[in-house]
Protein backbone atom coordinates (compact mmCIF):
# COMPACT_ATOMS: atom_id res chain seq x y z
CA LEU A 1 57.87 -1.39 -8.59
CA GLY A 2 60.28 0.43 -6.27
CA LEU A 3 63.21 -1.62 -7.60
CA GLN A 4 62.69 -0.74 -11.26
CA LEU A 5 64.92 1.79 -12.95
CA PRO A 6 63.27 4.48 -15.04
CA SER A 7 62.96 3.79 -18.75
CA THR A 8 64.56 7.15 -19.59
CA LEU A 9 67.12 9.30 -17.81
CA ASP A 10 67.89 12.99 -18.03
CA PRO A 11 70.89 13.28 -20.39
CA ARG A 12 72.79 15.22 -17.71
CA ILE A 13 72.57 12.19 -15.41
CA VAL A 14 73.81 9.89 -18.17
CA ALA A 15 76.78 12.21 -18.81
CA LEU A 16 77.56 12.44 -15.09
CA ALA A 17 77.49 8.65 -14.70
CA GLN A 18 79.81 8.28 -17.69
CA GLU A 19 82.16 10.85 -16.16
CA TRP A 20 82.27 8.91 -12.87
CA ARG A 21 82.97 5.66 -14.76
CA SER A 22 85.62 7.05 -17.09
CA GLY A 23 88.91 5.24 -16.75
CA SER A 24 87.69 2.55 -14.35
CA ASN A 25 85.05 -0.14 -13.96
CA ASP A 26 85.97 -0.62 -10.29
CA PRO A 27 82.81 0.06 -8.24
CA ARG A 28 84.86 1.56 -5.39
CA ALA A 29 86.58 4.01 -7.71
CA ILE A 30 83.26 4.99 -9.28
CA ALA A 31 81.67 5.52 -5.86
CA ALA A 32 84.67 7.59 -4.73
CA ARG A 33 84.29 9.83 -7.79
CA GLY A 34 80.64 10.31 -6.89
CA GLU A 35 81.52 11.25 -3.32
CA GLN A 36 84.13 13.71 -4.58
CA TRP A 37 81.63 15.24 -6.98
CA PHE A 38 79.04 15.77 -4.22
CA ALA A 39 81.70 17.33 -1.98
CA ALA A 40 82.99 19.65 -4.71
CA ASN A 41 79.56 20.87 -5.84
CA GLY A 42 78.06 22.40 -2.71
CA PHE A 43 75.57 19.72 -1.70
CA THR A 44 73.94 19.98 1.71
CA TYR A 45 71.91 17.64 3.90
CA SER A 46 68.46 18.73 5.04
CA LEU A 47 65.61 17.01 6.85
CA SER A 48 63.08 19.11 4.93
CA PRO A 49 64.34 19.48 1.34
CA GLY A 50 61.01 18.83 -0.34
CA THR A 51 59.98 15.95 -2.55
CA MET A 52 61.70 14.37 -5.50
CA ASP A 53 58.56 14.56 -7.62
CA ALA A 54 60.53 16.28 -10.38
CA GLY A 55 63.10 13.46 -10.34
CA PRO A 56 66.74 13.13 -9.38
CA ALA A 57 68.00 15.63 -11.98
CA GLU A 58 66.39 18.47 -10.03
CA PHE A 59 68.27 17.41 -6.91
CA LEU A 60 71.57 16.90 -8.74
CA PHE A 61 71.64 19.99 -10.88
CA GLU A 62 69.33 22.54 -9.27
CA ARG A 63 68.46 22.20 -5.56
CA ARG A 64 71.55 20.35 -4.32
CA THR A 65 70.02 19.84 -0.91
CA GLY A 66 68.38 16.64 0.28
CA PHE A 67 68.27 13.82 2.79
CA CYS A 68 69.27 10.17 2.57
CA ALA A 69 66.60 9.19 0.03
CA HIS A 70 67.74 11.93 -2.36
CA TYR A 71 71.35 10.79 -2.23
CA ALA A 72 70.51 7.08 -2.46
CA THR A 73 68.16 7.59 -5.39
CA THR A 74 70.64 9.61 -7.38
CA TYR A 75 73.47 7.17 -6.67
CA ALA A 76 71.30 4.32 -7.95
């Protein structure tokens, strides 16, 4: 169950993924764009950021603070 992707995604996540993939299908280039986006958008690391019950869109577009599970989930 933990390996299944959700059946629907927030449209903002879809748009962000398309932005990261624009111009290249190289996984390294896509990952680098993601890293640059996190760095440019004020994300912080915290050991007590709260849960992800509301989903990854809340982390990406509202809270922007999390720990490893938040970042890994949103990258996936």
